[in-house]
Amino acid sequence: MVAERIVSVALLVSILLLHCREEALEVAIIYPDHGSVVEGIVRVETETSDKVRCVIFYVDDACIDSCRAAPFLCCWNTFVHSGNSVHHLYAIAQDFYGNEICSDSVQVIVDNGDIVFADDFEPYPPHTYPDAAWFEIWLGAGSEHTYVDEGVANKGLQSIRLRGLASWVRTDGVELNVDGLEDLSYELSVMIPSADSTGAMFGFFCMVGPQVGTIYNGVWFRSEDNSVYARGILETYTGCTWRYDTWHRVRVALDYDQLRMNVWFDDEQIVFDLPAAPREWTDTFALATEYGSAGVVYYDDVSVSE
């Protein structure tokens, strides 16, 4: 009789503990708001109970990311969706015991206008990789040396920091939807600290061999003499020089119909109608360090528009 009571009490305690665990597991999306219009790289934020150890994020039933440390958040690249499209976000929280709970769904409308892609690197947690949209092409000094840096920025608080080696450049890219576009322009800010005697290169990345790639329709900051070069199909010296520890703003306008490229450097046009590479060659926009010199390059406020 005593044994039966002990078993009954143990079973009751187990049921109560399980019930408490289930009640303590909570998750809710607190940003963006239900019914809101969103654009760009969106920081999806949650509110959770203490028992949560992992949150998995979904958009339209497709998993976009997971987070295993508080604060539980993810960054969502809305540029992969068409304009004025409706999407549903929700999150599933898990605890150590394998219990799960799903948040209420949040409905939002994506509207990026004529912006094909933009990133100011503000939504990401510091010292993480901005993998909502970007991916590694060449590793440079290694993945641990390229991240969103806090306290170094052209605007806001953050930028992306790339570190390359003399023998292995660092290159990071994002795939754009450029099909059918006759005109495209992009602009960004770039800064090279004086502590590193390297250069920078950015534009559209194209593989030209099994382990060889190059930049077309882009710009090169050469470290040898601080010269600025434009790279369409061919390369040309612009007559301008860049400076260390200075944020420079560069804008490139591409006419894919006439295959022409124009470049502005710190609001002054420095290249007129340089022959450009065709749109069909590549849809990968890339940021890179310079081959042949080791060091750090910061990029910020990247924007690509029709």
C-alpha atoms as a PDB file:
ATOM      1  CA  MET A   1       0.000   0.000   0.000  1.00  0.00           C
ATOM      2  CA  VAL A   2       2.812   2.378   0.883  1.00  0.00           C
ATOM      3  CA  ALA A   3       4.620   1.526  -2.339  1.00  0.00           C
ATOM      4  CA  GLU A   4       1.507   2.286  -4.373  1.00  0.00           C
ATOM      5  CA  ARG A   5       1.200   5.679  -2.698  1.00  0.00           C
ATOM      6  CA  ILE A   6       4.851   6.484  -3.419  1.00  0.00           C
ATOM      7  CA  VAL A   7       4.370   5.600  -7.093  1.00  0.00           C
ATOM      8  CA  SER A   8       1.196   7.682  -7.259  1.00  0.00           C
ATOM      9  CA  VAL A   9       2.919  10.694  -5.672  1.00  0.00           C
ATOM     10  CA  ALA A  10       5.913  10.374  -8.024  1.00  0.00           C
ATOM     11  CA  LEU A  11       3.578  10.177 -11.037  1.00  0.00           C
ATOM     12  CA  LEU A  12       1.659  13.225  -9.829  1.00  0.00           C
ATOM     13  CA  VAL A  13       4.889  15.192  -9.342  1.00  0.00           C
ATOM     14  CA  SER A  14       6.036  14.224 -12.846  1.00  0.00           C
ATOM     15  CA  ILE A  15       2.746  15.375 -14.347  1.00  0.00           C
ATOM     16  CA  LEU A  16       2.892  18.663 -12.441  1.00  0.00           C
ATOM     17  CA  LEU A  17       6.499  19.280 -13.514  1.00  0.00           C
ATOM     18  CA  LEU A  18       5.653  18.586 -17.152  1.00  0.00           C
ATOM     19  CA  HIS A  19       2.638  20.869 -16.874  1.00  0.00           C
ATOM     20  CA  CYS A  20       4.824  23.644 -15.428  1.00  0.00           C
ATOM     21  CA  ARG A  21       7.359  23.197 -18.192  1.00  0.00           C
ATOM     22  CA  GLU A  22       4.669  23.464 -20.850  1.00  0.00           C
ATOM     23  CA  GLU A  23       3.162  26.553 -19.243  1.00  0.00           C
ATOM     24  CA  ALA A  24       6.585  28.229 -18.979  1.00  0.00           C
ATOM     25  CA  LEU A  25       7.404  27.791 -22.681  1.00  0.00           C
ATOM     26  CA  GLU A  26       6.268  30.954 -24.486  1.00  0.00           C
ATOM     27  CA  VAL A  27       7.271  32.841 -27.638  1.00  0.00           C
ATOM     28  CA  ALA A  28       5.816  35.807 -29.508  1.00  0.00           C
ATOM     29  CA  ILE A  29       7.036  37.929 -32.418  1.00  0.00           C
ATOM     30  CA  ILE A  30       7.186  41.541 -31.218  1.00  0.00           C
ATOM     31  CA  TYR A  31       8.709  43.040 -34.376  1.00  0.00           C
ATOM     32  CA  PRO A  32       7.632  43.580 -37.086  1.00  0.00           C
ATOM     33  CA  ASP A  33       4.051  44.422 -36.166  1.00  0.00           C
ATOM     34  CA  HIS A  34       1.089  42.536 -37.588  1.00  0.00           C
ATOM     35  CA  GLY A  35      -0.204  44.311 -40.709  1.00  0.00           C
ATOM     36  CA  SER A  36       2.910  46.480 -41.183  1.00  0.00           C
ATOM     37  CA  VAL A  37       4.770  47.240 -44.421  1.00  0.00           C
ATOM     38  CA  VAL A  38       8.413  46.130 -44.344  1.00  0.00           C
ATOM     39  CA  GLU A  39      11.440  46.640 -46.568  1.00  0.00           C
ATOM     40  CA  GLY A  40      15.117  45.757 -46.796  1.00  0.00           C
ATOM     41  CA  ILE A  41      16.826  43.565 -44.234  1.00  0.00           C
ATOM     42  CA  VAL A  42      14.271  43.179 -41.441  1.00  0.00           C
ATOM     43  CA  ARG A  43      15.292  42.354 -37.876  1.00  0.00           C
ATOM     44  CA  VAL A  44      12.669  39.877 -36.612  1.00  0.00           C
ATOM     45  CA  GLU A  45      12.522  40.091 -32.800  1.00  0.00           C
ATOM     46  CA  THR A  46      10.801  37.835 -30.279  1.00  0.00           C
ATOM     47  CA  GLU A  47       9.756  37.845 -26.657  1.00  0.00           C
ATOM     48  CA  THR A  48      10.268  34.512 -24.888  1.00  0.00           C
ATOM     49  CA  SER A  49      10.022  32.891 -21.489  1.00  0.00           C
ATOM     50  CA  ASP A  50      13.103  31.809 -19.538  1.00  0.00           C
ATOM     51  CA  LYS A  51      12.710  28.140 -20.472  1.00  0.00           C
ATOM     52  CA  VAL A  52      13.339  28.792 -24.189  1.00  0.00           C
ATOM     53  CA  ARG A  53      16.672  27.535 -25.497  1.00  0.00           C
ATOM     54  CA  CYS A  54      16.145  27.753 -29.261  1.00  0.00           C
ATOM     55  CA  VAL A  55      13.858  29.698 -31.602  1.00  0.00           C
ATOM     56  CA  ILE A  56      13.311  28.705 -35.233  1.00  0.00           C
ATOM     57  CA  PHE A  57      11.979  31.375 -37.589  1.00  0.00           C
ATOM     58  CA  TYR A  58       9.613  30.762 -40.502  1.00  0.00           C
ATOM     59  CA  VAL A  59       8.324  32.860 -43.402  1.00  0.00           C
ATOM     60  CA  ASP A  60       5.408  31.289 -45.282  1.00  0.00           C
ATOM     61  CA  ASP A  61       6.226  27.881 -43.701  1.00  0.00           C
ATOM     62  CA  ALA A  62       9.852  28.030 -44.930  1.00  0.00           C
ATOM     63  CA  CYS A  63      12.565  28.061 -42.264  1.00  0.00           C
ATOM     64  CA  ILE A  64      14.799  31.123 -42.672  1.00  0.00           C
ATOM     65  CA  ASP A  65      16.980  30.911 -39.561  1.00  0.00           C
ATOM     66  CA  SER A  66      17.379  29.641 -36.011  1.00  0.00           C
ATOM     67  CA  CYS A  67      18.798  31.242 -32.889  1.00  0.00           C
ATOM     68  CA  ARG A  68      20.141  29.466 -29.807  1.00  0.00           C
ATOM     69  CA  ALA A  69      20.922  32.412 -27.535  1.00  0.00           C
ATOM     70  CA  ALA A  70      18.974  35.319 -26.117  1.00  0.00           C
ATOM     71  CA  PRO A  71      17.915  37.744 -27.404  1.00  0.00           C
ATOM     72  CA  PHE A  72      16.225  35.399 -29.876  1.00  0.00           C
ATOM     73  CA  LEU A  73      16.125  37.213 -33.223  1.00  0.00           C
ATOM     74  CA  CYS A  74      16.956  36.787 -36.893  1.00  0.00           C
ATOM     75  CA  CYS A  75      17.468  38.974 -39.959  1.00  0.00           C
ATOM     76  CA  TRP A  76      15.159  38.441 -42.928  1.00  0.00           C
ATOM     77  CA  ASN A  77      16.123  39.443 -46.482  1.00  0.00           C
ATOM     78  CA  THR A  78      12.887  40.731 -48.016  1.00  0.00           C
ATOM     79  CA  PHE A  79      14.514  41.454 -51.394  1.00  0.00           C
ATOM     80  CA  VAL A  80      13.945  37.840 -52.440  1.00  0.00           C
ATOM     81  CA  HIS A  81      10.200  38.556 -52.512  1.00  0.00           C
ATOM     82  CA  SER A  82       8.210  40.465 -55.112  1.00  0.00           C
ATOM     83  CA  GLY A  83       6.837  43.915 -54.407  1.00  0.00           C
ATOM     84  CA  ASN A  84       3.542  44.339 -52.533  1.00  0.00           C
ATOM     85  CA  SER A  85       3.536  40.655 -51.593  1.00  0.00           C
ATOM     86  CA  VAL A  86       1.954  39.381 -48.366  1.00  0.00           C
ATOM     87  CA  HIS A  87       3.887  37.065 -46.073  1.00  0.00           C
ATOM     88  CA  HIS A  88       3.322  35.315 -42.757  1.00  0.00           C
ATOM     89  CA  LEU A  89       5.993  35.121 -40.058  1.00  0.00           C
ATOM     90  CA  TYR A  90       5.976  32.831 -37.052  1.00  0.00           C
ATOM     91  CA  ALA A  91       8.463  31.288 -34.647  1.00  0.00           C
ATOM     92  CA  ILE A  92       8.741  27.918 -32.903  1.00  0.00           C
ATOM     93  CA  ALA A  93      10.410  27.850 -29.490  1.00  0.00           C
ATOM     94  CA  GLN A  94      12.055  24.777 -27.984  1.00  0.00           C
ATOM     95  CA  ASP A  95      13.328  23.919 -24.501  1.00  0.00           C
ATOM     96  CA  PHE A  96      15.930  21.419 -23.263  1.00  0.00           C
ATOM     97  CA  TYR A  97      13.316  18.666 -22.938  1.00  0.00           C
ATOM     98  CA  GLY A  98      12.236  18.721 -26.572  1.00  0.00           C
ATOM     99  CA  ASN A  99       8.981  20.558 -25.890  1.00  0.00           C
ATOM    100  CA  GLU A 100       7.888  23.033 -28.570  1.00  0.00           C
ATOM    101  CA  ILE A 101       5.426  25.878 -28.887  1.00  0.00           C
ATOM    102  CA  CYS A 102       4.501  28.000 -31.895  1.00  0.00           C
ATOM    103  CA  SER A 103       3.914  31.739 -31.828  1.00  0.00           C
ATOM    104  CA  ASP A 104       0.956  33.477 -33.398  1.00  0.00           C
ATOM    105  CA  SER A 105       1.470  34.334 -37.063  1.00  0.00           C
ATOM    106  CA  VAL A 106       2.344  37.911 -38.029  1.00  0.00           C
ATOM    107  CA  GLN A 107       1.229  39.109 -41.464  1.00  0.00           C
ATOM    108  CA  VAL A 108       3.308  41.761 -43.261  1.00  0.00           C
ATOM    109  CA  ILE A 109       3.524  43.340 -46.709  1.00  0.00           C
ATOM    110  CA  VAL A 110       6.897  43.596 -48.494  1.00  0.00           C
ATOM    111  CA  ASP A 111       7.446  46.776 -50.512  1.00  0.00           C
ATOM    112  CA  ASN A 112      10.986  47.686 -51.591  1.00  0.00           C
ATOM    113  CA  GLY A 113      10.009  50.058 -54.398  1.00  0.00           C
ATOM    114  CA  ASP A 114      12.763  50.354 -57.020  1.00  0.00           C
ATOM    115  CA  ILE A 115      15.464  49.154 -54.612  1.00  0.00           C
ATOM    116  CA  VAL A 116      16.910  45.843 -55.806  1.00  0.00           C
ATOM    117  CA  PHE A 117      19.028  45.401 -52.686  1.00  0.00           C
ATOM    118  CA  ALA A 118      20.235  47.491 -49.746  1.00  0.00           C
ATOM    119  CA  ASP A 119      22.126  46.822 -46.532  1.00  0.00           C
ATOM    120  CA  ASP A 120      23.402  49.250 -43.910  1.00  0.00           C
ATOM    121  CA  PHE A 121      24.440  46.359 -41.604  1.00  0.00           C
ATOM    122  CA  GLU A 122      22.485  47.810 -38.682  1.00  0.00           C
ATOM    123  CA  PRO A 123      19.981  44.942 -38.105  1.00  0.00           C
ATOM    124  CA  TYR A 124      22.638  42.316 -37.351  1.00  0.00           C
ATOM    125  CA  PRO A 125      24.049  41.547 -33.900  1.00  0.00           C
ATOM    126  CA  PRO A 126      27.643  42.857 -33.643  1.00  0.00           C
ATOM    127  CA  HIS A 127      30.451  40.428 -34.515  1.00  0.00           C
ATOM    128  CA  THR A 128      28.176  38.134 -36.498  1.00  0.00           C
ATOM    129  CA  TYR A 129      28.141  37.408 -40.218  1.00  0.00           C
ATOM    130  CA  PRO A 130      25.336  39.155 -42.179  1.00  0.00           C
ATOM    131  CA  ASP A 131      24.056  35.899 -43.629  1.00  0.00           C
ATOM    132  CA  ALA A 132      20.501  37.060 -44.215  1.00  0.00           C
ATOM    133  CA  ALA A 133      21.685  37.922 -47.739  1.00  0.00           C
ATOM    134  CA  TRP A 134      25.486  37.729 -47.992  1.00  0.00           C
ATOM    135  CA  PHE A 135      27.610  34.645 -48.586  1.00  0.00           C
ATOM    136  CA  GLU A 136      31.333  33.909 -48.661  1.00  0.00           C
ATOM    137  CA  ILE A 137      33.059  33.634 -52.044  1.00  0.00           C
ATOM    138  CA  TRP A 138      36.768  33.753 -51.102  1.00  0.00           C
ATOM    139  CA  LEU A 139      37.698  33.266 -47.433  1.00  0.00           C
ATOM    140  CA  GLY A 140      40.666  35.637 -47.140  1.00  0.00           C
ATOM    141  CA  ALA A 141      42.055  35.529 -43.596  1.00  0.00           C
ATOM    142  CA  GLY A 142      39.165  33.282 -42.530  1.00  0.00           C
ATOM    143  CA  SER A 143      35.522  33.497 -41.547  1.00  0.00           C
ATOM    144  CA  GLU A 144      36.299  34.668 -38.019  1.00  0.00           C
ATOM    145  CA  HIS A 145      37.947  37.824 -39.398  1.00  0.00           C
ATOM    146  CA  THR A 146      34.961  39.039 -41.436  1.00  0.00           C
ATOM    147  CA  TYR A 147      31.946  40.266 -39.475  1.00  0.00           C
ATOM    148  CA  VAL A 148      29.632  43.176 -38.693  1.00  0.00           C
ATOM    149  CA  ASP A 149      31.742  45.619 -36.683  1.00  0.00           C
ATOM    150  CA  GLU A 150      30.252  47.925 -34.076  1.00  0.00           C
ATOM    151  CA  GLY A 151      31.610  51.462 -33.658  1.00  0.00           C
ATOM    152  CA  VAL A 152      33.016  51.785 -37.199  1.00  0.00           C
ATOM    153  CA  ALA A 153      30.452  53.140 -39.658  1.00  0.00           C
ATOM    154  CA  ASN A 154      29.795  55.756 -42.292  1.00  0.00           C
ATOM    155  CA  LYS A 155      26.292  56.189 -40.900  1.00  0.00           C
ATOM    156  CA  GLY A 156      24.653  54.562 -37.918  1.00  0.00           C
ATOM    157  CA  LEU A 157      26.745  52.338 -35.673  1.00  0.00           C
ATOM    158  CA  GLN A 158      27.830  49.344 -37.765  1.00  0.00           C
ATOM    159  CA  SER A 159      29.526  48.311 -40.995  1.00  0.00           C
ATOM    160  CA  ILE A 160      30.944  45.083 -42.420  1.00  0.00           C
ATOM    161  CA  ARG A 161      34.627  44.387 -41.860  1.00  0.00           C
ATOM    162  CA  LEU A 162      36.524  42.247 -44.397  1.00  0.00           C
ATOM    163  CA  ARG A 163      40.055  40.961 -43.854  1.00  0.00           C
ATOM    164  CA  GLY A 164      42.073  39.493 -46.706  1.00  0.00           C
ATOM    165  CA  LEU A 165      45.511  38.008 -47.159  1.00  0.00           C
ATOM    166  CA  ALA A 166      48.093  38.874 -49.803  1.00  0.00           C
ATOM    167  CA  SER A 167      47.700  35.407 -51.292  1.00  0.00           C
ATOM    168  CA  TRP A 168      43.970  34.939 -50.652  1.00  0.00           C
ATOM    169  CA  VAL A 169      41.505  37.794 -51.010  1.00  0.00           C
ATOM    170  CA  ARG A 170      38.362  38.152 -48.969  1.00  0.00           C
ATOM    171  CA  THR A 171      35.245  38.386 -51.147  1.00  0.00           C
ATOM    172  CA  ASP A 172      31.595  38.373 -50.072  1.00  0.00           C
ATOM    173  CA  GLY A 173      28.645  38.443 -52.425  1.00  0.00           C
ATOM    174  CA  VAL A 174      24.893  38.733 -52.720  1.00  0.00           C
ATOM    175  CA  GLU A 175      22.801  37.429 -55.605  1.00  0.00           C
ATOM    176  CA  LEU A 176      20.572  40.043 -57.208  1.00  0.00           C
ATOM    177  CA  ASN A 177      17.496  39.734 -59.395  1.00  0.00           C
ATOM    178  CA  VAL A 178      18.663  41.740 -62.433  1.00  0.00           C
ATOM    179  CA  ASP A 179      16.730  39.858 -65.117  1.00  0.00           C
ATOM    180  CA  GLY A 180      15.225  42.256 -67.643  1.00  0.00           C
ATOM    181  CA  LEU A 181      16.739  45.402 -66.136  1.00  0.00           C
ATOM    182  CA  GLU A 182      18.044  47.871 -68.720  1.00  0.00           C
ATOM    183  CA  ASP A 183      19.474  50.278 -66.156  1.00  0.00           C
ATOM    184  CA  LEU A 184      21.013  49.619 -62.764  1.00  0.00           C
ATOM    185  CA  SER A 185      22.903  51.789 -60.310  1.00  0.00           C
ATOM    186  CA  TYR A 186      24.642  51.008 -57.059  1.00  0.00           C
ATOM    187  CA  GLU A 187      26.394  53.010 -54.402  1.00  0.00           C
ATOM    188  CA  LEU A 188      28.314  52.277 -51.237  1.00  0.00           C
ATOM    189  CA  SER A 189      30.737  53.718 -48.724  1.00  0.00           C
ATOM    190  CA  VAL A 190      34.207  52.251 -48.299  1.00  0.00           C
ATOM    191  CA  MET A 191      37.000  52.947 -45.804  1.00  0.00           C
ATOM    192  CA  ILE A 192      40.479  51.446 -45.473  1.00  0.00           C
ATOM    193  CA  PRO A 193      42.204  52.008 -42.118  1.00  0.00           C
ATOM    194  CA  SER A 194      45.783  53.268 -42.201  1.00  0.00           C
ATOM    195  CA  ALA A 195      46.918  50.388 -40.010  1.00  0.00           C
ATOM    196  CA  ASP A 196      46.575  48.100 -43.057  1.00  0.00           C
ATOM    197  CA  SER A 197      48.235  48.891 -46.364  1.00  0.00           C
ATOM    198  CA  THR A 198      45.681  47.087 -48.475  1.00  0.00           C
ATOM    199  CA  GLY A 199      43.241  48.086 -51.190  1.00  0.00           C
ATOM    200  CA  ALA A 200      39.624  47.351 -52.071  1.00  0.00           C
ATOM    201  CA  MET A 201      37.591  46.123 -55.002  1.00  0.00           C
ATOM    202  CA  PHE A 202      33.821  45.974 -55.472  1.00  0.00           C
ATOM    203  CA  GLY A 203      31.300  45.457 -58.253  1.00  0.00           C
ATOM    204  CA  PHE A 204      29.943  42.378 -60.044  1.00  0.00           C
ATOM    205  CA  PHE A 205      31.843  39.163 -59.422  1.00  0.00           C
ATOM    206  CA  CYS A 206      32.316  36.613 -62.172  1.00  0.00           C
ATOM    207  CA  MET A 207      34.136  33.272 -62.199  1.00  0.00           C
ATOM    208  CA  VAL A 208      36.562  33.091 -65.112  1.00  0.00           C
ATOM    209  CA  GLY A 209      38.139  29.749 -64.176  1.00  0.00           C
ATOM    210  CA  PRO A 210      37.820  26.864 -61.691  1.00  0.00           C
ATOM    211  CA  GLN A 211      39.513  28.902 -58.932  1.00  0.00           C
ATOM    212  CA  VAL A 212      39.779  32.334 -60.532  1.00  0.00           C
ATOM    213  CA  GLY A 213      37.300  35.200 -60.326  1.00  0.00           C
ATOM    214  CA  THR A 214      37.296  38.875 -61.190  1.00  0.00           C
ATOM    215  CA  ILE A 215      35.225  42.035 -60.808  1.00  0.00           C
ATOM    216  CA  TYR A 216      33.408  43.610 -63.765  1.00  0.00           C
ATOM    217  CA  ASN A 217      31.415  46.861 -63.775  1.00  0.00           C
ATOM    218  CA  GLY A 218      33.160  47.855 -60.564  1.00  0.00           C
ATOM    219  CA  VAL A 219      35.818  49.984 -58.923  1.00  0.00           C
ATOM    220  CA  TRP A 220      39.317  49.231 -57.634  1.00  0.00           C
ATOM    221  CA  PHE A 221      41.102  51.148 -54.857  1.00  0.00           C
ATOM    222  CA  ARG A 222      44.735  50.252 -55.566  1.00  0.00           C
ATOM    223  CA  SER A 223      47.030  50.221 -52.534  1.00  0.00           C
ATOM    224  CA  GLU A 224      50.297  50.705 -54.434  1.00  0.00           C
ATOM    225  CA  ASP A 225      49.643  54.388 -55.143  1.00  0.00           C
ATOM    226  CA  ASN A 226      46.137  54.995 -53.715  1.00  0.00           C
ATOM    227  CA  SER A 227      44.742  55.304 -57.229  1.00  0.00           C
ATOM    228  CA  VAL A 228      41.098  54.724 -58.148  1.00  0.00           C
ATOM    229  CA  TYR A 229      40.431  52.548 -61.197  1.00  0.00           C
ATOM    230  CA  ALA A 230      37.153  51.753 -62.924  1.00  0.00           C
ATOM    231  CA  ARG A 231      36.585  48.244 -64.240  1.00  0.00           C
ATOM    232  CA  GLY A 232      34.061  47.760 -67.032  1.00  0.00           C
ATOM    233  CA  ILE A 233      35.075  45.205 -69.626  1.00  0.00           C
ATOM    234  CA  LEU A 234      38.460  46.929 -69.500  1.00  0.00           C
ATOM    235  CA  GLU A 235      40.212  48.775 -66.692  1.00  0.00           C
ATOM    236  CA  THR A 236      40.910  52.497 -66.708  1.00  0.00           C
ATOM    237  CA  TYR A 237      42.623  54.941 -64.338  1.00  0.00           C
ATOM    238  CA  THR A 238      40.205  57.659 -63.224  1.00  0.00           C
ATOM    239  CA  GLY A 239      42.748  60.289 -62.207  1.00  0.00           C
ATOM    240  CA  CYS A 240      41.491  60.198 -58.605  1.00  0.00           C
ATOM    241  CA  THR A 241      43.139  58.984 -55.416  1.00  0.00           C
ATOM    242  CA  TRP A 242      41.624  57.596 -52.231  1.00  0.00           C
ATOM    243  CA  ARG A 243      42.731  58.303 -48.652  1.00  0.00           C
ATOM    244  CA  TYR A 244      43.235  56.095 -45.615  1.00  0.00           C
ATOM    245  CA  ASP A 245      40.906  56.452 -42.615  1.00  0.00           C
ATOM    246  CA  THR A 246      38.359  58.248 -44.821  1.00  0.00           C
ATOM    247  CA  TRP A 247      34.895  57.117 -45.818  1.00  0.00           C
ATOM    248  CA  HIS A 248      34.559  57.493 -49.593  1.00  0.00           C
ATOM    249  CA  ARG A 249      31.194  57.336 -51.339  1.00  0.00           C
ATOM    250  CA  VAL A 250      31.143  55.651 -54.756  1.00  0.00           C
ATOM    251  CA  ARG A 251      28.256  55.422 -57.198  1.00  0.00           C
ATOM    252  CA  VAL A 252      28.161  53.396 -60.420  1.00  0.00           C
ATOM    253  CA  ALA A 253      25.434  53.669 -63.073  1.00  0.00           C
ATOM    254  CA  LEU A 254      25.102  50.866 -65.616  1.00  0.00           C
ATOM    255  CA  ASP A 255      23.269  51.087 -68.928  1.00  0.00           C
ATOM    256  CA  TYR A 256      22.861  47.459 -69.963  1.00  0.00           C
ATOM    257  CA  ASP A 257      21.161  48.406 -73.222  1.00  0.00           C
ATOM    258  CA  GLN A 258      24.055  50.553 -74.489  1.00  0.00           C
ATOM    259  CA  LEU A 259      26.659  48.688 -72.380  1.00  0.00           C
ATOM    260  CA  ARG A 260      28.011  51.847 -70.799  1.00  0.00           C
ATOM    261  CA  MET A 261      29.212  52.564 -67.265  1.00  0.00           C
ATOM    262  CA  ASN A 262      29.511  55.895 -65.401  1.00  0.00           C
ATOM    263  CA  VAL A 263      31.189  56.403 -62.018  1.00  0.00           C
ATOM    264  CA  TRP A 264      30.940  59.064 -59.284  1.00  0.00           C
ATOM    265  CA  PHE A 265      33.551  59.431 -56.540  1.00  0.00           C
ATOM    266  CA  ASP A 266      32.562  61.544 -53.529  1.00  0.00           C
ATOM    267  CA  ASP A 267      29.738  63.150 -55.574  1.00  0.00           C
ATOM    268  CA  GLU A 268      31.978  64.018 -58.553  1.00  0.00           C
ATOM    269  CA  GLN A 269      31.604  62.130 -61.833  1.00  0.00           C
ATOM    270  CA  ILE A 270      34.976  60.678 -62.768  1.00  0.00           C
ATOM    271  CA  VAL A 271      34.113  58.136 -65.497  1.00  0.00           C
ATOM    272  CA  PHE A 272      31.986  58.767 -68.591  1.00  0.00           C
ATOM    273  CA  ASP A 273      30.593  55.977 -70.786  1.00  0.00           C
ATOM    274  CA  LEU A 274      33.186  53.303 -70.077  1.00  0.00           C
ATOM    275  CA  PRO A 275      32.340  50.083 -72.010  1.00  0.00           C
ATOM    276  CA  ALA A 276      30.507  47.787 -69.582  1.00  0.00           C
ATOM    277  CA  ALA A 277      30.125  44.025 -69.278  1.00  0.00           C
ATOM    278  CA  PRO A 278      26.710  42.559 -70.227  1.00  0.00           C
ATOM    279  CA  ARG A 279      24.119  41.908 -67.541  1.00  0.00           C
ATOM    280  CA  GLU A 280      24.061  38.199 -68.432  1.00  0.00           C
ATOM    281  CA  TRP A 281      27.654  37.671 -67.322  1.00  0.00           C
ATOM    282  CA  THR A 282      26.857  37.812 -63.606  1.00  0.00           C
ATOM    283  CA  ASP A 283      24.147  38.659 -61.090  1.00  0.00           C
ATOM    284  CA  THR A 284      26.470  38.511 -58.055  1.00  0.00           C
ATOM    285  CA  PHE A 285      27.328  41.820 -56.444  1.00  0.00           C
ATOM    286  CA  ALA A 286      30.493  41.576 -54.377  1.00  0.00           C
ATOM    287  CA  LEU A 287      32.672  43.380 -51.838  1.00  0.00           C
ATOM    288  CA  ALA A 288      36.356  42.431 -51.650  1.00  0.00           C
ATOM    289  CA  THR A 289      39.819  43.203 -50.432  1.00  0.00           C
ATOM    290  CA  GLU A 290      42.676  43.656 -52.896  1.00  0.00           C
ATOM    291  CA  TYR A 291      44.646  40.710 -54.213  1.00  0.00           C
ATOM    292  CA  GLY A 292      48.345  40.914 -53.350  1.00  0.00           C
ATOM    293  CA  SER A 293      47.995  42.939 -50.148  1.00  0.00           C
ATOM    294  CA  ALA A 294      46.823  41.853 -46.707  1.00  0.00           C
ATOM    295  CA  GLY A 295      44.550  43.997 -44.569  1.00  0.00           C
ATOM    296  CA  VAL A 296      41.110  45.204 -43.548  1.00  0.00           C
ATOM    297  CA  VAL A 297      38.443  47.020 -45.562  1.00  0.00           C
ATOM    298  CA  TYR A 298      35.163  48.397 -44.184  1.00  0.00           C
ATOM    299  CA  TYR A 299      32.006  48.733 -46.292  1.00  0.00           C
ATOM    300  CA  ASP A 300      28.753  50.457 -45.362  1.00  0.00           C
ATOM    301  CA  ASP A 301      25.419  51.682 -46.771  1.00  0.00           C
ATOM    302  CA  VAL A 302      25.246  49.426 -49.834  1.00  0.00           C
ATOM    303  CA  SER A 303      22.316  50.212 -52.128  1.00  0.00           C
ATOM    304  CA  VAL A 304      21.395  48.824 -55.564  1.00  0.00           C
ATOM    305  CA  SER A 305      18.435  50.260 -57.476  1.00  0.00           C
ATOM    306  CA  GLU A 306      16.740  50.137 -60.862  1.00  0.00           C
END
